[in-house]
Amino acid sequence: MAVRSQPTARQERLGTELRKMREAAGLTAREAAERVGTTSAQMSHVEAGRAGVSEERLRRMATHYACLDDTLIDELVAMAAERDKGWWEEYRGTLAHGALDLAELEYRCRRLRTFQGVYIPGLLQVESYTRALMGYGIPQPSPRQLKALVAFRMRRREVLDGESPPAYEAVIHEAALRTLVADRDVARQQLGFILEQGEHPSITVRVVPFGVEGFGGAGTPVLYAHGSVPKLDTVHVDVPHGPIMLDAESQLARYRALLDKALTFSLSAEKSQDFIHTIMRQL
C-alpha cells in the first residue's frame, strides 16, 4: 500500500492501538513483521498510520498478539476499512489539520463531554459569536480565512443534529456565559441558542456559577470523546501551541476524573437553564 505523507489523527490512532497490542504481547516490530509476513519497514509505517492494513492482516496480528478483545478487534477492522471522505475533507489545504481531526473525532464518537471555563463550547456557538472569537485571533485571519473558519465551525455543529447524534454533555463556567466576546445582542443570541439546545434530548448543559465554593478548575478546558469501545476514547485539549489529542489510559483517567469533579460543582440541567435565563435578563 502507498505510504501516506500526512496521516490523519484517526489513522495514527489505528496504528497506535496496533503498536500497543504488539508491545503488550512482548514482541518487537521485527518479530511481529516476520509472524504476519511483512517487513519491519512496512510494520513501522502501519503503526505510524502512514500505511493502511487489510482486515486479514489485522486479524492475523491480533491472533499473534494473543488479543482476546473481539469487540476491540472488530472496531479496529472497521477503522481500517473506512474509505468514506467526511465533509471536513473539503477544507483540507484551507484549514489546519488539527481542525479536521477534531471534526472527524466528533463525527466518529458515541458520546462527548466537555468543560469550558472561558469560552462557549464550539458545538454550542452561534455564527456571530464564532466570527467575533475567530476574528480576535493573532495573527488576525484574512476575510477569506475568517469565512472558512466560521463556516467550518457551523458545519461541525451539525453532528448534534443528525439522526443518531452522540450524547453531548457540556459544563460551562459562568465566566464564559458572561464574557462579551462581541456585543450584548450577540450575547443574548448566544445564550438563547444554548437554552434552545439544552432542550434537545441528547444534549445536557450545566453551569458552574461564580459563587460556588472550592472550584479551582476553570483553567482546564477539555473535550472527552468516547469511542465505540472504551479503549478508543480520546481527549482533545487546546494548549497555547495548538490542539493535542491524548489516548494513554493514565491521561484518559485523569481527564475523566477532572470532568467528574467539575460536574459536582455544577448546577443541575434544570437549574442551569434558569441560571442562563437570569443572565440573559441582566444583559
C-alpha atoms as a PDB file:
ATOM      1  CA  MET A   1       0.000   0.000   0.000  1.00  0.00           C
ATOM      2  CA  ALA A   2       1.114   3.567  -0.684  1.00  0.00           C
ATOM      3  CA  VAL A   3       2.732   5.441   2.187  1.00  0.00           C
ATOM      4  CA  ARG A   4       0.768   8.484   3.392  1.00  0.00           C
ATOM      5  CA  SER A   5       2.694  11.714   3.790  1.00  0.00           C
ATOM      6  CA  GLN A   6       0.168  13.257   6.198  1.00  0.00           C
ATOM      7  CA  PRO A   7      -1.906  10.656   8.075  1.00  0.00           C
ATOM      8  CA  THR A   8      -4.984  11.845   9.932  1.00  0.00           C
ATOM      9  CA  ALA A   9      -5.238  11.577  13.711  1.00  0.00           C
ATOM     10  CA  ARG A  10      -7.648   8.665  13.280  1.00  0.00           C
ATOM     11  CA  GLN A  11      -5.238   6.799  11.005  1.00  0.00           C
ATOM     12  CA  GLU A  12      -2.475   7.395  13.531  1.00  0.00           C
ATOM     13  CA  ARG A  13      -4.753   6.140  16.307  1.00  0.00           C
ATOM     14  CA  LEU A  14      -5.319   2.848  14.488  1.00  0.00           C
ATOM     15  CA  GLY A  15      -1.554   2.398  14.230  1.00  0.00           C
ATOM     16  CA  THR A  16      -1.097   3.324  17.877  1.00  0.00           C
ATOM     17  CA  GLU A  17      -3.591   0.693  19.017  1.00  0.00           C
ATOM     18  CA  LEU A  18      -1.837  -1.962  16.928  1.00  0.00           C
ATOM     19  CA  ARG A  19       1.502  -0.946  18.442  1.00  0.00           C
ATOM     20  CA  LYS A  20       0.074  -1.100  21.976  1.00  0.00           C
ATOM     21  CA  MET A  21      -1.275  -4.561  21.205  1.00  0.00           C
ATOM     22  CA  ARG A  22       2.117  -5.731  19.913  1.00  0.00           C
ATOM     23  CA  GLU A  23       4.004  -4.310  22.884  1.00  0.00           C
ATOM     24  CA  ALA A  24       1.548  -5.954  25.306  1.00  0.00           C
ATOM     25  CA  ALA A  25       2.436  -9.266  23.634  1.00  0.00           C
ATOM     26  CA  GLY A  26       6.150  -8.599  24.244  1.00  0.00           C
ATOM     27  CA  LEU A  27       7.061  -8.655  20.549  1.00  0.00           C
ATOM     28  CA  THR A  28       9.452  -6.367  18.707  1.00  0.00           C
ATOM     29  CA  ALA A  29       8.356  -4.831  15.417  1.00  0.00           C
ATOM     30  CA  ARG A  30      10.765  -7.151  13.595  1.00  0.00           C
ATOM     31  CA  GLU A  31       9.375 -10.252  15.321  1.00  0.00           C
ATOM     32  CA  ALA A  32       5.796  -9.202  14.613  1.00  0.00           C
ATOM     33  CA  ALA A  33       6.577  -8.471  10.972  1.00  0.00           C
ATOM     34  CA  GLU A  34       8.060 -11.948  10.493  1.00  0.00           C
ATOM     35  CA  ARG A  35       4.998 -13.600  12.006  1.00  0.00           C
ATOM     36  CA  VAL A  36       2.478 -11.794   9.807  1.00  0.00           C
ATOM     37  CA  GLY A  37       4.557 -11.960   6.650  1.00  0.00           C
ATOM     38  CA  THR A  38       5.624  -8.352   6.133  1.00  0.00           C
ATOM     39  CA  THR A  39       8.734  -6.218   6.587  1.00  0.00           C
ATOM     40  CA  SER A  40       9.877  -4.208   9.571  1.00  0.00           C
ATOM     41  CA  ALA A  41       9.619  -1.055   7.462  1.00  0.00           C
ATOM     42  CA  GLN A  42       6.014  -1.802   6.496  1.00  0.00           C
ATOM     43  CA  MET A  43       5.157  -2.619  10.120  1.00  0.00           C
ATOM     44  CA  SER A  44       6.626   0.738  11.135  1.00  0.00           C
ATOM     45  CA  HIS A  45       4.520   2.535   8.526  1.00  0.00           C
ATOM     46  CA  VAL A  46       1.336   0.778   9.685  1.00  0.00           C
ATOM     47  CA  GLU A  47       1.961   1.580  13.351  1.00  0.00           C
ATOM     48  CA  ALA A  48       2.635   5.233  12.498  1.00  0.00           C
ATOM     49  CA  GLY A  49      -0.586   5.492  10.481  1.00  0.00           C
ATOM     50  CA  ARG A  50       1.371   6.105   7.291  1.00  0.00           C
ATOM     51  CA  ALA A  51       0.129   2.879   5.677  1.00  0.00           C
ATOM     52  CA  GLY A  52      -3.172   1.057   5.758  1.00  0.00           C
ATOM     53  CA  VAL A  53      -3.696  -2.544   6.804  1.00  0.00           C
ATOM     54  CA  SER A  54      -6.079  -5.157   5.409  1.00  0.00           C
ATOM     55  CA  GLU A  55      -8.658  -6.934   7.553  1.00  0.00           C
ATOM     56  CA  GLU A  56      -6.893 -10.249   7.007  1.00  0.00           C
ATOM     57  CA  ARG A  57      -3.526  -8.928   8.179  1.00  0.00           C
ATOM     58  CA  LEU A  58      -5.030  -7.025  11.110  1.00  0.00           C
ATOM     59  CA  ARG A  59      -6.817 -10.127  12.386  1.00  0.00           C
ATOM     60  CA  ARG A  60      -3.623 -12.139  11.902  1.00  0.00           C
ATOM     61  CA  MET A  61      -1.783  -9.537  14.002  1.00  0.00           C
ATOM     62  CA  ALA A  62      -4.396  -9.805  16.735  1.00  0.00           C
ATOM     63  CA  THR A  63      -4.033 -13.603  16.749  1.00  0.00           C
ATOM     64  CA  HIS A  64      -0.235 -13.451  17.045  1.00  0.00           C
ATOM     65  CA  TYR A  65      -0.569 -10.793  19.733  1.00  0.00           C
ATOM     66  CA  ALA A  66      -2.977 -13.059  21.658  1.00  0.00           C
ATOM     67  CA  CYS A  67      -5.564 -10.276  21.851  1.00  0.00           C
ATOM     68  CA  LEU A  68      -8.854 -11.734  23.097  1.00  0.00           C
ATOM     69  CA  ASP A  69     -10.860  -8.498  22.939  1.00  0.00           C
ATOM     70  CA  ASP A  70     -13.049  -9.350  19.948  1.00  0.00           C
ATOM     71  CA  THR A  71     -15.039  -6.116  20.205  1.00  0.00           C
ATOM     72  CA  LEU A  72     -11.878  -4.009  20.031  1.00  0.00           C
ATOM     73  CA  ILE A  73     -10.562  -6.051  17.106  1.00  0.00           C
ATOM     74  CA  ASP A  74     -13.831  -5.600  15.203  1.00  0.00           C
ATOM     75  CA  GLU A  75     -13.709  -1.842  15.784  1.00  0.00           C
ATOM     76  CA  LEU A  76     -10.103  -1.650  14.583  1.00  0.00           C
ATOM     77  CA  VAL A  77     -11.074  -3.626  11.477  1.00  0.00           C
ATOM     78  CA  ALA A  78     -13.893  -1.120  10.865  1.00  0.00           C
ATOM     79  CA  MET A  79     -11.434   1.780  11.264  1.00  0.00           C
ATOM     80  CA  ALA A  80      -9.009   0.157   8.823  1.00  0.00           C
ATOM     81  CA  ALA A  81     -11.797  -0.306   6.274  1.00  0.00           C
ATOM     82  CA  GLU A  82     -13.010   3.314   6.372  1.00  0.00           C
ATOM     83  CA  ARG A  83     -12.905   4.763   2.884  1.00  0.00           C
ATOM     84  CA  ASP A  84     -15.595   7.437   3.080  1.00  0.00           C
ATOM     85  CA  LYS A  85     -14.377  11.003   2.869  1.00  0.00           C
ATOM     86  CA  GLY A  86     -16.072  13.094   5.538  1.00  0.00           C
ATOM     87  CA  TRP A  87     -17.333  16.612   4.867  1.00  0.00           C
ATOM     88  CA  TRP A  88     -14.261  18.030   6.643  1.00  0.00           C
ATOM     89  CA  GLU A  89     -12.086  16.882   3.719  1.00  0.00           C
ATOM     90  CA  GLU A  90     -13.494  19.820   1.746  1.00  0.00           C
ATOM     91  CA  TYR A  91     -11.376  22.053   3.991  1.00  0.00           C
ATOM     92  CA  ARG A  92      -8.085  20.152   3.606  1.00  0.00           C
ATOM     93  CA  GLY A  93      -5.492  22.632   2.416  1.00  0.00           C
ATOM     94  CA  THR A  94      -7.570  25.532   3.719  1.00  0.00           C
ATOM     95  CA  LEU A  95      -7.639  24.887   7.472  1.00  0.00           C
ATOM     96  CA  ALA A  96      -5.114  23.332   9.841  1.00  0.00           C
ATOM     97  CA  HIS A  97      -5.006  19.534  10.030  1.00  0.00           C
ATOM     98  CA  GLY A  98      -5.887  19.698  13.725  1.00  0.00           C
ATOM     99  CA  ALA A  99      -9.262  21.277  12.942  1.00  0.00           C
ATOM    100  CA  LEU A 100     -10.107  18.493  10.504  1.00  0.00           C
ATOM    101  CA  ASP A 101      -9.027  15.837  13.006  1.00  0.00           C
ATOM    102  CA  LEU A 102     -11.324  17.366  15.636  1.00  0.00           C
ATOM    103  CA  ALA A 103     -14.306  17.324  13.263  1.00  0.00           C
ATOM    104  CA  GLU A 104     -13.676  13.648  12.485  1.00  0.00           C
ATOM    105  CA  LEU A 105     -13.266  12.835  16.183  1.00  0.00           C
ATOM    106  CA  GLU A 106     -16.666  14.388  16.938  1.00  0.00           C
ATOM    107  CA  TYR A 107     -18.256  12.638  13.973  1.00  0.00           C
ATOM    108  CA  ARG A 108     -16.982   9.159  14.892  1.00  0.00           C
ATOM    109  CA  CYS A 109     -17.589   9.202  18.654  1.00  0.00           C
ATOM    110  CA  ARG A 110     -20.640   7.941  20.548  1.00  0.00           C
ATOM    111  CA  ARG A 111     -20.520  10.463  23.411  1.00  0.00           C
ATOM    112  CA  LEU A 112     -18.930  13.862  24.032  1.00  0.00           C
ATOM    113  CA  ARG A 113     -18.199  15.520  27.371  1.00  0.00           C
ATOM    114  CA  THR A 114     -16.687  18.965  27.656  1.00  0.00           C
ATOM    115  CA  PHE A 115     -15.801  21.583  30.229  1.00  0.00           C
ATOM    116  CA  GLN A 116     -15.157  25.180  29.184  1.00  0.00           C
ATOM    117  CA  GLY A 117     -14.262  27.934  31.616  1.00  0.00           C
ATOM    118  CA  VAL A 118     -13.597  30.876  29.312  1.00  0.00           C
ATOM    119  CA  TYR A 119     -15.441  30.384  26.002  1.00  0.00           C
ATOM    120  CA  ILE A 120     -18.694  28.811  24.894  1.00  0.00           C
ATOM    121  CA  PRO A 121     -18.025  25.244  23.667  1.00  0.00           C
ATOM    122  CA  GLY A 122     -17.529  25.161  19.898  1.00  0.00           C
ATOM    123  CA  LEU A 123     -20.550  22.957  19.182  1.00  0.00           C
ATOM    124  CA  LEU A 124     -22.812  25.415  21.032  1.00  0.00           C
ATOM    125  CA  GLN A 125     -21.580  28.615  19.391  1.00  0.00           C
ATOM    126  CA  VAL A 126     -23.737  30.751  17.129  1.00  0.00           C
ATOM    127  CA  GLU A 127     -22.242  32.194  13.958  1.00  0.00           C
ATOM    128  CA  SER A 128     -21.903  35.775  15.217  1.00  0.00           C
ATOM    129  CA  TYR A 129     -20.124  34.614  18.393  1.00  0.00           C
ATOM    130  CA  THR A 130     -17.735  32.423  16.387  1.00  0.00           C
ATOM    131  CA  ARG A 131     -16.978  35.246  13.948  1.00  0.00           C
ATOM    132  CA  ALA A 132     -16.089  37.634  16.777  1.00  0.00           C
ATOM    133  CA  LEU A 133     -13.995  34.997  18.530  1.00  0.00           C
ATOM    134  CA  MET A 134     -12.102  33.906  15.418  1.00  0.00           C
ATOM    135  CA  GLY A 135     -11.593  37.494  14.306  1.00  0.00           C
ATOM    136  CA  TYR A 136      -9.748  38.209  17.550  1.00  0.00           C
ATOM    137  CA  GLY A 137      -7.016  35.719  16.651  1.00  0.00           C
ATOM    138  CA  ILE A 138      -3.352  36.611  16.251  1.00  0.00           C
ATOM    139  CA  PRO A 139      -2.346  36.859  13.509  1.00  0.00           C
ATOM    140  CA  GLN A 140      -5.732  38.155  12.509  1.00  0.00           C
ATOM    141  CA  PRO A 141      -7.243  35.974   9.776  1.00  0.00           C
ATOM    142  CA  SER A 142      -7.948  37.429   6.365  1.00  0.00           C
ATOM    143  CA  PRO A 143     -11.624  37.872   5.399  1.00  0.00           C
ATOM    144  CA  ARG A 144     -11.375  34.679   3.323  1.00  0.00           C
ATOM    145  CA  GLN A 145      -9.802  32.706   6.172  1.00  0.00           C
ATOM    146  CA  LEU A 146     -12.342  34.038   8.645  1.00  0.00           C
ATOM    147  CA  LYS A 147     -15.213  32.993   6.395  1.00  0.00           C
ATOM    148  CA  ALA A 148     -13.787  29.456   6.148  1.00  0.00           C
ATOM    149  CA  LEU A 149     -13.194  29.206   9.913  1.00  0.00           C
ATOM    150  CA  VAL A 150     -16.740  30.297  10.728  1.00  0.00           C
ATOM    151  CA  ALA A 151     -18.328  28.053   8.093  1.00  0.00           C
ATOM    152  CA  PHE A 152     -16.302  25.097   9.340  1.00  0.00           C
ATOM    153  CA  ARG A 153     -17.400  25.565  12.938  1.00  0.00           C
ATOM    154  CA  MET A 154     -21.032  25.907  11.931  1.00  0.00           C
ATOM    155  CA  ARG A 155     -20.702  22.687   9.915  1.00  0.00           C
ATOM    156  CA  ARG A 156     -19.206  20.924  12.946  1.00  0.00           C
ATOM    157  CA  ARG A 157     -22.343  21.836  14.879  1.00  0.00           C
ATOM    158  CA  GLU A 158     -24.413  19.593  12.610  1.00  0.00           C
ATOM    159  CA  VAL A 159     -23.079  16.476  14.347  1.00  0.00           C
ATOM    160  CA  LEU A 160     -25.575  17.178  17.148  1.00  0.00           C
ATOM    161  CA  ASP A 161     -28.494  17.378  14.715  1.00  0.00           C
ATOM    162  CA  GLY A 162     -28.107  14.060  12.892  1.00  0.00           C
ATOM    163  CA  GLU A 163     -30.344  11.015  13.085  1.00  0.00           C
ATOM    164  CA  SER A 164     -28.097   9.338  15.682  1.00  0.00           C
ATOM    165  CA  PRO A 165     -26.211  12.202  17.346  1.00  0.00           C
ATOM    166  CA  PRO A 166     -23.653  11.488  20.070  1.00  0.00           C
ATOM    167  CA  ALA A 167     -24.788  12.197  23.596  1.00  0.00           C
ATOM    168  CA  TYR A 168     -23.381  15.633  24.428  1.00  0.00           C
ATOM    169  CA  GLU A 169     -22.742  16.967  27.929  1.00  0.00           C
ATOM    170  CA  ALA A 170     -21.304  20.460  28.376  1.00  0.00           C
ATOM    171  CA  VAL A 171     -20.294  22.001  31.697  1.00  0.00           C
ATOM    172  CA  ILE A 172     -19.736  25.745  31.270  1.00  0.00           C
ATOM    173  CA  HIS A 173     -18.367  28.196  33.813  1.00  0.00           C
ATOM    174  CA  GLU A 174     -20.357  31.363  34.384  1.00  0.00           C
ATOM    175  CA  ALA A 175     -17.377  33.397  33.160  1.00  0.00           C
ATOM    176  CA  ALA A 176     -17.842  32.009  29.653  1.00  0.00           C
ATOM    177  CA  LEU A 177     -21.531  32.917  29.706  1.00  0.00           C
ATOM    178  CA  ARG A 178     -20.936  36.487  30.843  1.00  0.00           C
ATOM    179  CA  THR A 179     -17.901  37.408  28.727  1.00  0.00           C
ATOM    180  CA  LEU A 180     -18.975  39.751  25.903  1.00  0.00           C
ATOM    181  CA  VAL A 181     -16.912  38.274  23.080  1.00  0.00           C
ATOM    182  CA  ALA A 182     -18.902  40.504  20.692  1.00  0.00           C
ATOM    183  CA  ASP A 183     -21.716  42.795  21.886  1.00  0.00           C
ATOM    184  CA  ARG A 184     -24.810  42.397  24.051  1.00  0.00           C
ATOM    185  CA  ASP A 185     -27.065  41.478  21.145  1.00  0.00           C
ATOM    186  CA  VAL A 186     -24.724  38.637  20.183  1.00  0.00           C
ATOM    187  CA  ALA A 187     -24.521  37.581  23.829  1.00  0.00           C
ATOM    188  CA  ARG A 188     -28.329  37.341  24.042  1.00  0.00           C
ATOM    189  CA  GLN A 189     -28.435  35.372  20.808  1.00  0.00           C
ATOM    190  CA  GLN A 190     -25.717  33.046  22.088  1.00  0.00           C
ATOM    191  CA  LEU A 191     -27.391  32.383  25.426  1.00  0.00           C
ATOM    192  CA  GLY A 192     -30.720  31.857  23.710  1.00  0.00           C
ATOM    193  CA  PHE A 193     -29.177  29.224  21.461  1.00  0.00           C
ATOM    194  CA  ILE A 194     -27.671  27.393  24.449  1.00  0.00           C
ATOM    195  CA  LEU A 195     -31.104  27.325  26.094  1.00  0.00           C
ATOM    196  CA  GLU A 196     -32.602  26.028  22.875  1.00  0.00           C
ATOM    197  CA  GLN A 197     -30.005  23.279  22.535  1.00  0.00           C
ATOM    198  CA  GLY A 198     -30.419  22.330  26.178  1.00  0.00           C
ATOM    199  CA  GLU A 199     -33.958  21.176  25.350  1.00  0.00           C
ATOM    200  CA  HIS A 200     -32.620  18.577  22.931  1.00  0.00           C
ATOM    201  CA  PRO A 201     -32.907  15.048  24.405  1.00  0.00           C
ATOM    202  CA  SER A 202     -29.266  14.159  23.635  1.00  0.00           C
ATOM    203  CA  ILE A 203     -27.781  17.441  24.907  1.00  0.00           C
ATOM    204  CA  THR A 204     -27.170  18.376  28.541  1.00  0.00           C
ATOM    205  CA  VAL A 205     -25.874  21.806  29.563  1.00  0.00           C
ATOM    206  CA  ARG A 206     -24.812  22.543  33.139  1.00  0.00           C
ATOM    207  CA  VAL A 207     -23.338  25.703  34.651  1.00  0.00           C
ATOM    208  CA  VAL A 208     -20.680  26.256  37.331  1.00  0.00           C
ATOM    209  CA  PRO A 209     -21.618  29.599  38.978  1.00  0.00           C
ATOM    210  CA  PHE A 210     -19.118  32.174  40.218  1.00  0.00           C
ATOM    211  CA  GLY A 211     -20.486  31.786  43.724  1.00  0.00           C
ATOM    212  CA  VAL A 212     -19.775  28.082  44.161  1.00  0.00           C
ATOM    213  CA  GLU A 213     -17.076  27.497  46.761  1.00  0.00           C
ATOM    214  CA  GLY A 214     -13.987  25.358  46.286  1.00  0.00           C
ATOM    215  CA  PHE A 215     -13.912  25.261  42.487  1.00  0.00           C
ATOM    216  CA  GLY A 216     -10.397  25.729  41.103  1.00  0.00           C
ATOM    217  CA  GLY A 217     -10.723  24.070  37.703  1.00  0.00           C
ATOM    218  CA  ALA A 218     -11.783  26.957  35.464  1.00  0.00           C
ATOM    219  CA  GLY A 219      -8.425  26.972  33.691  1.00  0.00           C
ATOM    220  CA  THR A 220      -8.648  23.407  32.391  1.00  0.00           C
ATOM    221  CA  PRO A 221     -10.813  23.277  29.232  1.00  0.00           C
ATOM    222  CA  VAL A 222     -11.203  19.771  27.835  1.00  0.00           C
ATOM    223  CA  LEU A 223     -13.181  17.698  25.363  1.00  0.00           C
ATOM    224  CA  TYR A 224     -13.528  13.979  26.086  1.00  0.00           C
ATOM    225  CA  ALA A 225     -14.704  11.860  23.152  1.00  0.00           C
ATOM    226  CA  HIS A 226     -15.950   8.371  23.981  1.00  0.00           C
ATOM    227  CA  GLY A 227     -15.089   5.943  21.212  1.00  0.00           C
ATOM    228  CA  SER A 228     -17.068   2.935  20.065  1.00  0.00           C
ATOM    229  CA  VAL A 229     -15.230   0.987  22.796  1.00  0.00           C
ATOM    230  CA  PRO A 230     -13.550   2.487  25.902  1.00  0.00           C
ATOM    231  CA  LYS A 231     -10.042   1.720  24.619  1.00  0.00           C
ATOM    232  CA  LEU A 232     -10.702   4.089  21.724  1.00  0.00           C
ATOM    233  CA  ASP A 233     -11.594   7.091  23.911  1.00  0.00           C
ATOM    234  CA  THR A 234      -9.722  10.319  23.113  1.00  0.00           C
ATOM    235  CA  VAL A 235      -9.090  13.582  24.951  1.00  0.00           C
ATOM    236  CA  HIS A 236      -8.783  16.811  22.962  1.00  0.00           C
ATOM    237  CA  VAL A 237      -7.064  19.710  24.722  1.00  0.00           C
ATOM    238  CA  ASP A 238      -6.303  23.199  23.428  1.00  0.00           C
ATOM    239  CA  VAL A 239      -2.889  24.453  24.532  1.00  0.00           C
ATOM    240  CA  PRO A 240      -1.012  27.656  23.545  1.00  0.00           C
ATOM    241  CA  HIS A 241       0.978  25.942  20.773  1.00  0.00           C
ATOM    242  CA  GLY A 242      -2.080  24.214  19.310  1.00  0.00           C
ATOM    243  CA  PRO A 243      -4.527  21.375  19.999  1.00  0.00           C
ATOM    244  CA  ILE A 244      -3.331  17.947  21.097  1.00  0.00           C
ATOM    245  CA  MET A 245      -5.049  14.574  21.346  1.00  0.00           C
ATOM    246  CA  LEU A 246      -4.317  12.159  24.183  1.00  0.00           C
ATOM    247  CA  ASP A 247      -5.123   8.459  24.358  1.00  0.00           C
ATOM    248  CA  ALA A 248      -2.928   6.873  27.065  1.00  0.00           C
ATOM    249  CA  GLU A 249      -5.134   5.282  29.722  1.00  0.00           C
ATOM    250  CA  SER A 250      -3.453   7.262  32.515  1.00  0.00           C
ATOM    251  CA  GLN A 251      -4.259  10.504  30.646  1.00  0.00           C
ATOM    252  CA  LEU A 252      -7.825   9.438  29.894  1.00  0.00           C
ATOM    253  CA  ALA A 253      -8.401   8.520  33.544  1.00  0.00           C
ATOM    254  CA  ARG A 254      -7.086  11.903  34.693  1.00  0.00           C
ATOM    255  CA  TYR A 255      -9.427  13.839  32.425  1.00  0.00           C
ATOM    256  CA  ARG A 256     -12.406  11.644  33.266  1.00  0.00           C
ATOM    257  CA  ALA A 257     -11.751  12.489  36.912  1.00  0.00           C
ATOM    258  CA  LEU A 258     -11.459  16.212  36.114  1.00  0.00           C
ATOM    259  CA  LEU A 259     -14.763  16.196  34.235  1.00  0.00           C
ATOM    260  CA  ASP A 260     -16.464  14.252  37.012  1.00  0.00           C
ATOM    261  CA  LYS A 261     -15.143  16.760  39.537  1.00  0.00           C
ATOM    262  CA  ALA A 262     -16.349  19.772  37.517  1.00  0.00           C
ATOM    263  CA  LEU A 263     -19.747  18.131  37.311  1.00  0.00           C
ATOM    264  CA  THR A 264     -20.027  18.002  41.100  1.00  0.00           C
ATOM    265  CA  PHE A 265     -19.656  21.809  41.254  1.00  0.00           C
ATOM    266  CA  SER A 266     -22.270  22.463  38.568  1.00  0.00           C
ATOM    267  CA  LEU A 267     -25.969  23.155  38.849  1.00  0.00           C
ATOM    268  CA  SER A 268     -28.467  20.587  37.623  1.00  0.00           C
ATOM    269  CA  ALA A 269     -29.537  20.885  33.987  1.00  0.00           C
ATOM    270  CA  GLU A 270     -32.891  22.397  35.010  1.00  0.00           C
ATOM    271  CA  LYS A 271     -31.329  24.933  37.382  1.00  0.00           C
ATOM    272  CA  SER A 272     -28.705  25.752  34.768  1.00  0.00           C
ATOM    273  CA  GLN A 273     -31.451  26.688  32.304  1.00  0.00           C
ATOM    274  CA  ASP A 274     -32.947  29.052  34.889  1.00  0.00           C
ATOM    275  CA  PHE A 275     -29.490  30.462  35.634  1.00  0.00           C
ATOM    276  CA  ILE A 276     -28.840  31.228  31.949  1.00  0.00           C
ATOM    277  CA  HIS A 277     -32.269  32.886  31.689  1.00  0.00           C
ATOM    278  CA  THR A 278     -31.258  35.151  34.592  1.00  0.00           C
ATOM    279  CA  ILE A 279     -28.026  36.172  32.869  1.00  0.00           C
ATOM    280  CA  MET A 280     -29.981  36.958  29.681  1.00  0.00           C
ATOM    281  CA  ARG A 281     -32.343  39.263  31.584  1.00  0.00           C
ATOM    282  CA  GLN A 282     -29.345  41.137  33.021  1.00  0.00           C
ATOM    283  CA  LEU A 283     -27.855  41.920  29.584  1.00  0.00           C
END
